Amino acid sequence: MAMTADGKIATANRAVHSFGSARDLRHLYELRATADAIINGARTVEISETTMGNGGENFRKLRLKNGLAEFPLRLIASGSGSIDPNAKIFQKRFSPIIVLTTQRASGKKLSRLRELADEVKIFGETEIDFPSVLPWLRTKWNVKRLLCEGGGELNDALFHANLVDEIHLTICPKIFGGRAAPTIADGLGFSKLALAGEFKLASTRNFKGELFTVFSRR
């Protein structure tokens, strides 16, 4: 994730959601080249117009060098099954697309999603049961490393499920402000300090005013 110095990942109205440097974008593709699969929340997919690709020829070669497929498996998380059928990701068919949803998704939405995605899988009644998702991904799709690119509610769900091993966070020298502006972990949050996710700072690197940090699980 890239965030501003005041901890925001987009402006309050979501009008600005991409503000990192070209180096930060390259870092994203480098991380993708280490992962079997990528996951994004439905709103992130729609707003960012991401296709969750490999980043181009150089990163395709890097994936192959790392012993991975040319393109990552692509996952979209939506508890309600609400995803714009015209989202850019559905127009690019270079690797399978899997939609993770819950029993909240209506039959009509599920039918539409099954026309768009390679697989639609229900995990949980009202919230996606991520502790069950990961073993399924490993067994059926041979996913050993999963990269989450947001947004904040999806990140929060993974933190709550204690499934995050590593955080790559780019801190950008900008201030967005706004109490409604999203952060890297929106959603429920932790109500007590004792419950908060614990990580240690593994590395930092300053590159032209941006601070690239890595946090690992304690």
Protein backbone atom coordinates (compact mmCIF):
# COMPACT_ATOMS: atom_id res chain seq x y z
CA MET A 1 0.00 0.00 0.00
CA ALA A 2 0.97 3.62 -0.57
CA MET A 3 -0.27 6.18 1.93
CA THR A 4 0.15 9.86 2.63
CA ALA A 5 2.09 11.14 5.62
CA ASP A 6 -1.23 11.46 7.48
CA GLY A 7 -2.15 7.85 6.77
CA LYS A 8 -4.63 8.20 3.89
CA ILE A 9 -4.80 5.96 0.82
CA ALA A 10 -7.22 8.22 -1.09
CA THR A 11 -8.99 11.54 -0.73
CA ALA A 12 -12.28 11.62 1.15
CA ASN A 13 -14.27 11.64 -2.10
CA ARG A 14 -12.06 8.91 -3.63
CA ALA A 15 -11.25 11.28 -6.52
CA VAL A 16 -7.50 10.81 -5.92
CA HIS A 17 -6.42 7.24 -5.26
CA SER A 18 -3.12 6.99 -7.12
CA PHE A 19 -0.40 9.35 -5.93
CA GLY A 20 2.79 7.35 -5.54
CA SER A 21 5.81 7.77 -7.78
CA ALA A 22 6.85 5.69 -10.76
CA ARG A 23 9.26 3.92 -8.41
CA ASP A 24 6.38 2.97 -6.13
CA LEU A 25 4.49 1.52 -9.10
CA ARG A 26 7.56 -0.47 -10.06
CA HIS A 27 7.74 -1.74 -6.49
CA LEU A 28 4.14 -2.93 -6.82
CA TYR A 29 4.99 -4.93 -9.94
CA GLU A 30 8.08 -6.34 -8.24
CA LEU A 31 5.87 -7.59 -5.41
CA ARG A 32 3.41 -9.06 -7.89
CA ALA A 33 6.31 -10.99 -9.40
CA THR A 34 6.70 -12.86 -6.09
CA ALA A 35 3.05 -13.89 -5.71
CA ASP A 36 1.01 -16.75 -7.11
CA ALA A 37 -2.17 -14.71 -6.75
CA ILE A 38 -3.37 -11.15 -6.16
CA ILE A 39 -6.50 -10.08 -4.29
CA ASN A 40 -8.36 -6.77 -4.37
CA GLY A 41 -11.67 -5.61 -2.96
CA ALA A 42 -14.46 -4.97 -5.46
CA ARG A 43 -14.46 -1.19 -4.99
CA THR A 44 -10.68 -1.05 -5.45
CA VAL A 45 -11.03 -3.00 -8.69
CA GLU A 46 -13.67 -0.58 -9.95
CA ILE A 47 -12.06 2.70 -8.87
CA SER A 48 -8.45 1.90 -9.78
CA GLU A 49 -9.39 0.12 -13.03
CA THR A 50 -6.74 -2.47 -12.23
CA THR A 51 -6.48 -5.61 -14.32
CA MET A 52 -4.04 -7.23 -11.85
CA GLY A 53 -1.58 -8.00 -14.64
CA ASN A 54 2.11 -8.83 -14.45
CA GLY A 55 3.31 -5.31 -15.27
CA GLY A 56 4.79 -6.02 -18.67
CA GLU A 57 7.55 -8.04 -20.29
CA ASN A 58 10.31 -7.37 -17.76
CA PHE A 59 8.10 -8.46 -14.88
CA ARG A 60 6.80 -11.43 -16.86
CA LYS A 61 10.40 -12.60 -17.14
CA LEU A 62 10.92 -11.95 -13.43
CA ARG A 63 7.89 -14.10 -12.61
CA LEU A 64 9.26 -16.93 -14.72
CA LYS A 65 12.66 -16.54 -13.05
CA ASN A 66 10.92 -16.83 -9.69
CA GLY A 67 9.31 -20.09 -10.79
CA LEU A 68 5.81 -18.61 -11.20
CA ALA A 69 3.28 -18.56 -14.02
CA GLU A 70 3.49 -15.68 -16.50
CA PHE A 71 0.42 -14.04 -14.98
CA PRO A 72 -0.94 -14.16 -11.42
CA LEU A 73 -4.25 -15.67 -10.44
CA ARG A 74 -6.70 -12.81 -9.86
CA LEU A 75 -9.10 -12.66 -6.91
CA ILE A 76 -11.87 -10.15 -6.21
CA ALA A 77 -13.48 -9.99 -2.76
CA SER A 78 -17.06 -8.80 -2.40
CA GLY A 79 -19.23 -9.89 0.49
CA SER A 80 -22.38 -8.68 -1.27
CA GLY A 81 -21.38 -9.84 -4.74
CA SER A 82 -21.71 -6.30 -6.05
CA ILE A 83 -19.16 -5.74 -8.80
CA ASP A 84 -19.51 -3.58 -11.90
CA PRO A 85 -19.77 -6.04 -14.82
CA ASN A 86 -18.08 -3.43 -16.99
CA ALA A 87 -14.99 -3.26 -14.76
CA LYS A 88 -11.80 -3.26 -16.79
CA ILE A 89 -10.55 -6.49 -15.22
CA PHE A 90 -13.27 -8.50 -16.95
CA GLN A 91 -12.07 -7.27 -20.33
CA LYS A 92 -8.62 -8.85 -19.93
CA ARG A 93 -8.60 -12.65 -20.02
CA PHE A 94 -4.90 -13.47 -19.53
CA SER A 95 -5.38 -15.44 -16.27
CA PRO A 96 -8.29 -16.88 -14.25
CA ILE A 97 -10.50 -14.52 -12.26
CA ILE A 98 -12.03 -15.76 -9.01
CA VAL A 99 -14.73 -13.90 -7.11
CA LEU A 100 -14.98 -14.54 -3.36
CA THR A 101 -18.34 -13.71 -1.84
CA THR A 102 -20.86 -14.74 0.84
CA GLN A 103 -24.42 -15.98 1.19
CA ARG A 104 -25.50 -12.32 1.14
CA ALA A 105 -25.03 -12.30 -2.62
CA SER A 106 -28.36 -12.73 -4.41
CA GLY A 107 -28.97 -15.45 -6.96
CA LYS A 108 -29.14 -12.84 -9.70
CA LYS A 109 -25.74 -11.40 -8.76
CA LEU A 110 -24.19 -14.85 -8.54
CA SER A 111 -25.48 -15.78 -11.98
CA ARG A 112 -24.07 -12.60 -13.49
CA LEU A 113 -20.72 -13.08 -11.77
CA ARG A 114 -20.46 -16.64 -13.05
CA GLU A 115 -20.77 -15.26 -16.57
CA LEU A 116 -17.85 -12.90 -15.93
CA ALA A 117 -15.46 -14.85 -13.71
CA ASP A 118 -13.83 -18.25 -14.03
CA GLU A 119 -15.08 -19.22 -10.58
CA VAL A 120 -17.39 -17.73 -7.97
CA LYS A 121 -16.88 -19.17 -4.49
CA ILE A 122 -19.02 -18.56 -1.41
CA PHE A 123 -17.22 -18.41 1.94
CA GLY A 124 -19.34 -17.45 4.94
CA GLU A 125 -22.83 -16.15 5.64
CA THR A 126 -22.36 -12.39 5.88
CA GLU A 127 -18.58 -11.86 5.89
CA ILE A 128 -15.96 -13.65 3.81
CA ASP A 129 -14.33 -16.40 5.88
CA PHE A 130 -10.71 -15.76 4.92
CA PRO A 131 -9.22 -18.46 7.18
CA SER A 132 -11.12 -20.93 4.99
CA VAL A 133 -10.20 -19.14 1.76
CA LEU A 134 -6.45 -19.63 2.08
CA PRO A 135 -6.42 -23.45 2.47
CA TRP A 136 -8.84 -23.69 -0.46
CA LEU A 137 -6.56 -21.54 -2.61
CA ARG A 138 -3.59 -23.70 -1.68
CA THR A 139 -5.37 -26.98 -2.39
CA LYS A 140 -7.25 -26.09 -5.58
CA TRP A 141 -5.07 -23.39 -7.13
CA ASN A 142 -1.64 -24.11 -5.60
CA VAL A 143 -1.40 -20.59 -4.16
CA LYS A 144 1.54 -20.37 -1.75
CA ARG A 145 1.90 -16.59 -1.65
CA LEU A 146 -1.02 -14.18 -1.87
CA LEU A 147 -0.56 -10.44 -2.39
CA CYS A 148 -3.32 -8.13 -1.14
CA GLU A 149 -3.48 -4.68 -2.72
CA GLY A 150 -6.41 -3.28 -0.75
CA GLY A 151 -8.57 -1.50 -0.13
CA GLY A 152 -8.81 -0.68 3.52
CA GLU A 153 -11.78 -2.89 4.40
CA LEU A 154 -10.22 -5.96 2.81
CA ASN A 155 -6.94 -5.23 4.60
CA ASP A 156 -8.81 -4.86 7.89
CA ALA A 157 -10.54 -8.21 7.40
CA LEU A 158 -7.18 -9.92 6.84
CA PHE A 159 -5.68 -8.23 9.91
CA HIS A 160 -8.64 -9.40 12.00
CA ALA A 161 -8.18 -12.94 10.72
CA ASN A 162 -4.48 -12.76 11.66
CA LEU A 163 -3.48 -13.71 8.12
CA VAL A 164 -1.01 -10.93 7.31
CA ASP A 165 2.65 -11.96 7.39
CA GLU A 166 4.19 -8.87 5.84
CA ILE A 167 3.26 -5.25 5.08
CA HIS A 168 4.95 -3.25 2.34
CA LEU A 169 4.05 0.37 3.00
CA THR A 170 5.19 3.37 0.96
CA ILE A 171 4.84 6.66 2.85
CA CYS A 172 4.44 9.58 0.44
CA PRO A 173 5.20 13.23 1.34
CA LYS A 174 1.59 14.43 0.94
CA ILE A 175 -1.26 15.35 3.27
CA PHE A 176 -4.88 14.62 2.27
CA GLY A 177 -6.70 15.14 5.56
CA GLY A 178 -10.41 14.49 5.95
CA ARG A 179 -12.02 12.26 8.57
CA ALA A 180 -13.78 10.31 5.81
CA ALA A 181 -10.63 9.65 3.82
CA PRO A 182 -9.82 5.91 3.77
CA THR A 183 -6.79 4.43 5.50
CA ILE A 184 -4.91 1.17 4.95
CA ALA A 185 -7.16 -0.60 7.48
CA ASP A 186 -10.77 0.57 7.57
CA GLY A 187 -13.71 -1.59 8.57
CA LEU A 188 -14.17 -2.88 12.12
CA GLY A 189 -10.76 -2.03 13.52
CA PHE A 190 -9.52 -3.18 16.93
CA SER A 191 -11.29 -1.81 20.00
CA LYS A 192 -8.51 -2.60 22.48
CA LEU A 193 -4.76 -2.06 22.36
CA ALA A 194 -4.21 -5.63 23.49
CA LEU A 195 -5.99 -6.87 20.35
CA ALA A 196 -4.06 -4.70 17.91
CA GLY A 197 -2.01 -6.38 15.21
CA GLU A 198 1.66 -6.58 16.19
CA PHE A 199 4.39 -6.15 13.58
CA LYS A 200 8.05 -5.22 13.65
CA LEU A 201 9.82 -2.84 11.32
CA ALA A 202 11.99 -5.01 9.08
CA SER A 203 13.45 -2.40 6.71
CA THR A 204 13.24 1.21 5.53
CA ARG A 205 14.56 2.91 2.42
CA ASN A 206 14.28 6.55 1.37
CA PHE A 207 13.99 7.11 -2.38
CA LYS A 208 13.52 10.69 -3.58
CA GLY A 209 11.28 11.68 -0.70
CA GLU A 210 9.24 8.50 -0.45
CA LEU A 211 9.85 6.12 2.42
CA PHE A 212 9.63 2.44 1.49
CA THR A 213 9.03 0.34 4.58
CA VAL A 214 8.51 -3.34 5.31
CA PHE A 215 6.83 -4.63 8.47
CA SER A 216 6.82 -8.30 9.37
CA ARG A 217 4.76 -10.24 11.87
CA ARG A 218 6.29 -10.43 15.34
